[in-house]
Amino acid sequence: MRISAVRIAGACAITAALALSVAACGSQDKKAACDNLQKTITDVSRKGMTQVSDPNGLAQTYSAGANTMRQQGKDSGDDKVEKAANDAASALDSLGQQVKSIATSGSTTPQMPDVSKLTNAGAELKSACEG
């Protein structure tokens, strides 16, 4: 049961850490990229919640989402959005690896993934999309 709680926490962490209220100003490319980033975050969160008993699948979902976010950041045409999307993608990749590692560690001590990088990246992404 401990591992399931950790996996659920990891899956829920995305929604909490990367929640965006996208109100992008500026170019249409930037607005479209921010809207797409919001959709990717939502999609990854939803899919992740269905994979709480499959840490390898969850890590793969996070990795695929991270790759999509990197491309969406690049497509924005905005340096701040691209950097923020890349930072969020790296944090998402890291979270996936943490969830996988915790699940396979065999430790009897409850462990929670560190979502601080993801939280900071989410704030950066929100700021980039709003600014």
N, C-alpha and C. Protein backbone atom coordinates (compact mmCIF):
# COMPACT_ATOMS: atom_id res chain seq x y z
N MET A 1 0.83 -1.19 0.00
CA MET A 1 0.00 0.00 0.00
C MET A 1 0.87 1.25 0.00
N ARG A 2 2.04 1.18 0.66
CA ARG A 2 2.92 2.33 0.71
C ARG A 2 3.33 2.79 -0.67
N ILE A 3 3.68 1.85 -1.54
CA ILE A 3 4.13 2.21 -2.87
C ILE A 3 3.00 2.85 -3.66
N SER A 4 1.77 2.33 -3.50
CA SER A 4 0.64 2.94 -4.20
C SER A 4 0.46 4.39 -3.78
N ALA A 5 0.62 4.66 -2.48
CA ALA A 5 0.49 6.04 -2.01
C ALA A 5 1.57 6.93 -2.62
N VAL A 6 2.78 6.40 -2.73
CA VAL A 6 3.87 7.17 -3.33
C VAL A 6 3.57 7.43 -4.80
N ARG A 7 3.09 6.43 -5.50
CA ARG A 7 2.78 6.61 -6.92
C ARG A 7 1.65 7.61 -7.11
N ILE A 8 0.64 7.51 -6.26
CA ILE A 8 -0.46 8.47 -6.36
C ILE A 8 0.06 9.88 -6.09
N ALA A 9 0.91 10.00 -5.10
CA ALA A 9 1.49 11.32 -4.79
C ALA A 9 2.27 11.85 -5.97
N GLY A 10 3.04 10.98 -6.60
CA GLY A 10 3.80 11.39 -7.78
C GLY A 10 2.90 11.83 -8.91
N ALA A 11 1.83 11.08 -9.13
CA ALA A 11 0.91 11.42 -10.21
C ALA A 11 0.17 12.72 -9.91
N CYS A 12 -0.23 12.91 -8.67
CA CYS A 12 -0.94 14.13 -8.30
C CYS A 12 -0.02 15.35 -8.30
N ALA A 13 1.25 15.12 -8.11
CA ALA A 13 2.21 16.22 -8.01
C ALA A 13 2.24 17.06 -9.27
N ILE A 14 2.04 16.44 -10.41
CA ILE A 14 2.09 17.20 -11.65
C ILE A 14 1.02 18.27 -11.67
N THR A 15 -0.20 17.88 -11.37
CA THR A 15 -1.30 18.84 -11.42
C THR A 15 -1.04 19.99 -10.47
N ALA A 16 -0.62 19.68 -9.26
CA ALA A 16 -0.38 20.73 -8.27
C ALA A 16 0.80 21.60 -8.65
N ALA A 17 1.86 20.99 -9.11
CA ALA A 17 3.10 21.73 -9.35
C ALA A 17 3.10 22.51 -10.65
N LEU A 18 2.41 22.01 -11.65
CA LEU A 18 2.46 22.68 -12.94
C LEU A 18 1.15 23.36 -13.34
N ALA A 19 0.24 23.50 -12.41
CA ALA A 19 -1.03 24.11 -12.74
C ALA A 19 -0.80 25.51 -13.31
N LEU A 20 -1.36 25.72 -14.47
CA LEU A 20 -1.22 27.02 -15.14
C LEU A 20 -2.56 27.70 -15.27
N SER A 21 -2.55 28.98 -15.11
CA SER A 21 -3.69 29.80 -15.50
C SER A 21 -3.16 30.60 -16.68
N VAL A 22 -3.23 29.98 -17.83
CA VAL A 22 -2.56 30.54 -18.99
C VAL A 22 -3.38 31.70 -19.54
N ALA A 23 -2.76 32.83 -19.50
CA ALA A 23 -3.33 34.03 -20.08
C ALA A 23 -2.19 34.70 -20.85
N ALA A 24 -1.74 34.03 -21.86
CA ALA A 24 -0.54 34.50 -22.57
C ALA A 24 -0.80 35.80 -23.31
N CYS A 25 0.11 36.70 -23.12
CA CYS A 25 0.10 37.95 -23.86
C CYS A 25 1.14 37.83 -24.96
N GLY A 26 1.03 38.63 -25.96
CA GLY A 26 2.05 38.61 -27.00
C GLY A 26 1.57 37.89 -28.24
N SER A 27 2.51 37.22 -28.88
CA SER A 27 2.23 36.61 -30.18
C SER A 27 1.24 35.46 -30.08
N GLN A 28 0.64 35.17 -31.23
CA GLN A 28 -0.28 34.03 -31.33
C GLN A 28 0.47 32.73 -31.08
N ASP A 29 1.73 32.64 -31.54
CA ASP A 29 2.52 31.43 -31.32
C ASP A 29 2.70 31.18 -29.82
N LYS A 30 2.97 32.25 -29.09
CA LYS A 30 3.16 32.13 -27.65
C LYS A 30 1.87 31.67 -26.99
N LYS A 31 0.76 32.30 -27.35
CA LYS A 31 -0.53 31.93 -26.77
C LYS A 31 -0.85 30.48 -27.09
N ALA A 32 -0.67 30.09 -28.35
CA ALA A 32 -0.95 28.71 -28.74
C ALA A 32 -0.06 27.73 -27.99
N ALA A 33 1.22 28.07 -27.85
CA ALA A 33 2.15 27.20 -27.13
C ALA A 33 1.74 27.06 -25.66
N CYS A 34 1.37 28.16 -25.03
CA CYS A 34 0.96 28.11 -23.64
C CYS A 34 -0.33 27.31 -23.48
N ASP A 35 -1.27 27.48 -24.40
CA ASP A 35 -2.50 26.67 -24.38
C ASP A 35 -2.16 25.19 -24.55
N ASN A 36 -1.25 24.89 -25.47
CA ASN A 36 -0.84 23.51 -25.70
C ASN A 36 -0.11 22.93 -24.49
N LEU A 37 0.73 23.74 -23.86
CA LEU A 37 1.42 23.29 -22.65
C LEU A 37 0.41 22.96 -21.56
N GLN A 38 -0.59 23.79 -21.40
CA GLN A 38 -1.63 23.53 -20.40
C GLN A 38 -2.33 22.20 -20.71
N LYS A 39 -2.64 21.96 -21.97
CA LYS A 39 -3.31 20.71 -22.36
C LYS A 39 -2.39 19.51 -22.10
N THR A 40 -1.12 19.65 -22.42
CA THR A 40 -0.18 18.55 -22.18
C THR A 40 -0.10 18.23 -20.69
N ILE A 41 -0.01 19.24 -19.86
CA ILE A 41 0.05 19.04 -18.41
C ILE A 41 -1.20 18.31 -17.92
N THR A 42 -2.36 18.74 -18.41
CA THR A 42 -3.62 18.10 -18.03
C THR A 42 -3.65 16.65 -18.50
N ASP A 43 -3.26 16.43 -19.75
CA ASP A 43 -3.28 15.07 -20.31
C ASP A 43 -2.32 14.14 -19.55
N VAL A 44 -1.12 14.62 -19.26
CA VAL A 44 -0.14 13.81 -18.53
C VAL A 44 -0.67 13.50 -17.13
N SER A 45 -1.28 14.48 -16.49
CA SER A 45 -1.83 14.28 -15.15
C SER A 45 -2.93 13.21 -15.17
N ARG A 46 -3.83 13.33 -16.13
CA ARG A 46 -4.93 12.35 -16.24
C ARG A 46 -4.40 10.95 -16.51
N LYS A 47 -3.50 10.83 -17.46
CA LYS A 47 -2.96 9.52 -17.79
C LYS A 47 -2.17 8.96 -16.61
N GLY A 48 -1.41 9.82 -15.94
CA GLY A 48 -0.63 9.39 -14.79
C GLY A 48 -1.50 8.82 -13.68
N MET A 49 -2.67 9.38 -13.48
CA MET A 49 -3.57 8.88 -12.44
C MET A 49 -4.06 7.46 -12.75
N THR A 50 -4.05 7.06 -14.00
CA THR A 50 -4.46 5.70 -14.35
C THR A 50 -3.29 4.72 -14.24
N GLN A 51 -2.10 5.22 -13.95
CA GLN A 51 -0.91 4.38 -13.90
C GLN A 51 -0.29 4.30 -12.50
N VAL A 52 -1.10 4.51 -11.49
CA VAL A 52 -0.56 4.55 -10.13
C VAL A 52 0.04 3.22 -9.70
N SER A 53 -0.30 2.13 -10.35
CA SER A 53 0.28 0.84 -9.98
C SER A 53 1.35 0.39 -10.98
N ASP A 54 1.73 1.28 -11.87
CA ASP A 54 2.73 0.96 -12.90
C ASP A 54 3.79 2.06 -12.95
N PRO A 55 4.78 2.02 -12.06
CA PRO A 55 5.77 3.10 -12.01
C PRO A 55 6.56 3.25 -13.31
N ASN A 56 6.83 2.15 -14.00
CA ASN A 56 7.55 2.25 -15.27
C ASN A 56 6.69 2.96 -16.32
N GLY A 57 5.43 2.63 -16.37
CA GLY A 57 4.51 3.31 -17.29
C GLY A 57 4.35 4.77 -16.94
N LEU A 58 4.29 5.06 -15.65
CA LEU A 58 4.17 6.44 -15.19
C LEU A 58 5.40 7.25 -15.60
N ALA A 59 6.57 6.66 -15.40
CA ALA A 59 7.82 7.33 -15.79
C ALA A 59 7.84 7.57 -17.30
N GLN A 60 7.34 6.61 -18.07
CA GLN A 60 7.29 6.75 -19.52
C GLN A 60 6.32 7.85 -19.93
N THR A 61 5.18 7.92 -19.26
CA THR A 61 4.22 8.98 -19.53
C THR A 61 4.83 10.34 -19.24
N TYR A 62 5.54 10.45 -18.11
CA TYR A 62 6.19 11.71 -17.77
C TYR A 62 7.24 12.08 -18.81
N SER A 63 8.01 11.09 -19.26
CA SER A 63 9.05 11.35 -20.26
C SER A 63 8.44 11.81 -21.58
N ALA A 64 7.39 11.15 -22.02
CA ALA A 64 6.72 11.55 -23.27
C ALA A 64 6.13 12.95 -23.14
N GLY A 65 5.53 13.23 -21.98
CA GLY A 65 4.99 14.57 -21.74
C GLY A 65 6.08 15.62 -21.74
N ALA A 66 7.22 15.28 -21.15
CA ALA A 66 8.35 16.21 -21.11
C ALA A 66 8.85 16.51 -22.52
N ASN A 67 8.94 15.50 -23.36
CA ASN A 67 9.37 15.71 -24.75
C ASN A 67 8.40 16.61 -25.50
N THR A 68 7.11 16.40 -25.27
CA THR A 68 6.09 17.24 -25.91
C THR A 68 6.22 18.68 -25.42
N MET A 69 6.43 18.85 -24.13
CA MET A 69 6.55 20.20 -23.57
C MET A 69 7.77 20.94 -24.14
N ARG A 70 8.86 20.22 -24.32
CA ARG A 70 10.05 20.85 -24.91
C ARG A 70 9.75 21.38 -26.31
N GLN A 71 9.06 20.59 -27.10
CA GLN A 71 8.71 21.02 -28.46
C GLN A 71 7.74 22.19 -28.43
N GLN A 72 6.77 22.15 -27.53
CA GLN A 72 5.81 23.25 -27.43
C GLN A 72 6.49 24.54 -27.00
N GLY A 73 7.45 24.43 -26.11
CA GLY A 73 8.22 25.61 -25.71
C GLY A 73 8.99 26.18 -26.88
N LYS A 74 9.61 25.30 -27.64
CA LYS A 74 10.37 25.73 -28.82
C LYS A 74 9.44 26.40 -29.84
N ASP A 75 8.26 25.85 -30.00
CA ASP A 75 7.29 26.39 -30.97
C ASP A 75 6.72 27.74 -30.56
N SER A 76 6.91 28.12 -29.30
CA SER A 76 6.32 29.37 -28.81
C SER A 76 6.95 30.60 -29.45
N GLY A 77 8.21 30.49 -29.86
CA GLY A 77 8.91 31.65 -30.40
C GLY A 77 9.25 32.67 -29.32
N ASP A 78 9.15 32.26 -28.07
CA ASP A 78 9.40 33.16 -26.95
C ASP A 78 10.47 32.51 -26.07
N ASP A 79 11.59 33.20 -25.88
CA ASP A 79 12.71 32.64 -25.12
C ASP A 79 12.33 32.25 -23.69
N LYS A 80 11.51 33.09 -23.04
CA LYS A 80 11.13 32.80 -21.66
C LYS A 80 10.23 31.57 -21.57
N VAL A 81 9.29 31.46 -22.49
CA VAL A 81 8.39 30.30 -22.50
C VAL A 81 9.19 29.04 -22.82
N GLU A 82 10.11 29.14 -23.78
CA GLU A 82 10.91 27.97 -24.14
C GLU A 82 11.76 27.51 -22.96
N LYS A 83 12.41 28.45 -22.28
CA LYS A 83 13.24 28.09 -21.12
C LYS A 83 12.38 27.47 -20.03
N ALA A 84 11.24 28.09 -19.76
CA ALA A 84 10.36 27.58 -18.71
C ALA A 84 9.82 26.19 -19.06
N ALA A 85 9.46 25.99 -20.32
CA ALA A 85 8.97 24.68 -20.75
C ALA A 85 10.08 23.63 -20.63
N ASN A 86 11.30 24.00 -20.99
CA ASN A 86 12.43 23.07 -20.86
C ASN A 86 12.71 22.73 -19.40
N ASP A 87 12.64 23.73 -18.54
CA ASP A 87 12.86 23.50 -17.11
C ASP A 87 11.76 22.60 -16.53
N ALA A 88 10.52 22.86 -16.92
CA ALA A 88 9.41 22.03 -16.45
C ALA A 88 9.55 20.60 -16.98
N ALA A 89 9.96 20.47 -18.23
CA ALA A 89 10.15 19.14 -18.82
C ALA A 89 11.25 18.37 -18.09
N SER A 90 12.34 19.03 -17.77
CA SER A 90 13.44 18.38 -17.03
C SER A 90 12.97 17.95 -15.64
N ALA A 91 12.20 18.79 -14.99
CA ALA A 91 11.67 18.46 -13.66
C ALA A 91 10.70 17.28 -13.75
N LEU A 92 9.93 17.24 -14.81
CA LEU A 92 8.98 16.14 -15.00
C LEU A 92 9.72 14.82 -15.26
N ASP A 93 10.75 14.88 -16.08
CA ASP A 93 11.59 13.70 -16.30
C ASP A 93 12.18 13.21 -14.97
N SER A 94 12.68 14.13 -14.19
CA SER A 94 13.28 13.80 -12.90
C SER A 94 12.27 13.16 -11.96
N LEU A 95 11.06 13.68 -11.94
CA LEU A 95 10.02 13.12 -11.09
C LEU A 95 9.71 11.68 -11.51
N GLY A 96 9.65 11.44 -12.81
CA GLY A 96 9.40 10.09 -13.29
C GLY A 96 10.47 9.12 -12.83
N GLN A 97 11.71 9.55 -12.89
CA GLN A 97 12.81 8.70 -12.45
C GLN A 97 12.75 8.46 -10.94
N GLN A 98 12.36 9.49 -10.19
CA GLN A 98 12.24 9.33 -8.74
C GLN A 98 11.15 8.32 -8.38
N VAL A 99 10.01 8.42 -9.04
CA VAL A 99 8.90 7.50 -8.78
C VAL A 99 9.33 6.07 -9.07
N LYS A 100 10.00 5.89 -10.20
CA LYS A 100 10.49 4.57 -10.58
C LYS A 100 11.50 4.05 -9.55
N SER A 101 12.40 4.89 -9.15
CA SER A 101 13.44 4.51 -8.19
C SER A 101 12.85 4.15 -6.83
N ILE A 102 11.93 4.94 -6.36
CA ILE A 102 11.29 4.69 -5.06
C ILE A 102 10.53 3.36 -5.11
N ALA A 103 9.82 3.12 -6.20
CA ALA A 103 9.03 1.90 -6.32
C ALA A 103 9.88 0.64 -6.35
N THR A 104 11.09 0.75 -6.88
CA THR A 104 11.95 -0.43 -7.00
C THR A 104 13.00 -0.52 -5.90
N SER A 105 13.00 0.41 -4.97
CA SER A 105 14.05 0.44 -3.95
C SER A 105 13.93 -0.68 -2.92
N GLY A 106 12.73 -1.19 -2.72
CA GLY A 106 12.53 -2.22 -1.72
C GLY A 106 12.58 -1.70 -0.29
N SER A 107 12.68 -0.41 -0.14
CA SER A 107 12.75 0.20 1.19
C SER A 107 11.41 0.06 1.90
N THR A 108 11.47 -0.16 3.19
CA THR A 108 10.24 -0.21 3.99
C THR A 108 9.92 1.15 4.61
N THR A 109 10.80 2.10 4.40
CA THR A 109 10.58 3.46 4.89
C THR A 109 9.81 4.24 3.84
N PRO A 110 8.65 4.80 4.20
CA PRO A 110 7.89 5.58 3.21
C PRO A 110 8.74 6.73 2.66
N GLN A 111 8.69 6.90 1.35
CA GLN A 111 9.43 7.96 0.69
C GLN A 111 8.49 8.72 -0.24
N MET A 112 8.67 9.99 -0.28
CA MET A 112 7.88 10.83 -1.19
C MET A 112 8.83 11.45 -2.21
N PRO A 113 8.41 11.51 -3.46
CA PRO A 113 9.27 12.16 -4.45
C PRO A 113 9.40 13.64 -4.14
N ASP A 114 10.54 14.20 -4.50
CA ASP A 114 10.80 15.62 -4.31
C ASP A 114 10.20 16.37 -5.49
N VAL A 115 9.18 17.17 -5.22
CA VAL A 115 8.50 17.91 -6.29
C VAL A 115 8.89 19.38 -6.31
N SER A 116 9.92 19.77 -5.54
CA SER A 116 10.27 21.19 -5.46
C SER A 116 10.70 21.75 -6.81
N LYS A 117 11.48 20.99 -7.59
CA LYS A 117 11.90 21.48 -8.91
C LYS A 117 10.69 21.65 -9.82
N LEU A 118 9.76 20.71 -9.72
CA LEU A 118 8.56 20.78 -10.54
C LEU A 118 7.69 21.98 -10.14
N THR A 119 7.60 22.21 -8.85
CA THR A 119 6.83 23.36 -8.35
C THR A 119 7.44 24.68 -8.84
N ASN A 120 8.76 24.80 -8.72
CA ASN A 120 9.44 26.01 -9.18
C ASN A 120 9.30 26.18 -10.69
N ALA A 121 9.42 25.08 -11.44
CA ALA A 121 9.29 25.15 -12.89
C ALA A 121 7.87 25.55 -13.29
N GLY A 122 6.89 25.05 -12.55
CA GLY A 122 5.50 25.43 -12.83
C GLY A 122 5.26 26.91 -12.63
N ALA A 123 5.84 27.46 -11.58
CA ALA A 123 5.71 28.91 -11.32
C ALA A 123 6.40 29.70 -12.43
N GLU A 124 7.57 29.23 -12.86
CA GLU A 124 8.31 29.89 -13.94
C GLU A 124 7.51 29.85 -15.24
N LEU A 125 6.91 28.71 -15.52
CA LEU A 125 6.12 28.56 -16.74
C LEU A 125 4.89 29.45 -16.72
N LYS A 126 4.24 29.49 -15.59
CA LYS A 126 3.06 30.36 -15.45
C LYS A 126 3.46 31.82 -15.69
N SER A 127 4.55 32.24 -15.07
CA SER A 127 5.03 33.61 -15.23
C SER A 127 5.38 33.92 -16.69
N ALA A 128 6.05 32.98 -17.34
CA ALA A 128 6.43 33.18 -18.73
C ALA A 128 5.23 33.29 -19.64
N CYS A 129 4.21 32.51 -19.36
CA CYS A 129 3.00 32.53 -20.20
C CYS A 129 2.16 33.77 -19.95
N GLU A 130 2.20 34.28 -18.74
CA GLU A 130 1.41 35.46 -18.42
C GLU A 130 2.11 36.76 -18.84
N GLY A 131 3.44 36.72 -18.89
CA GLY A 131 4.20 37.95 -19.13
C GLY A 131 4.41 38.29 -20.58
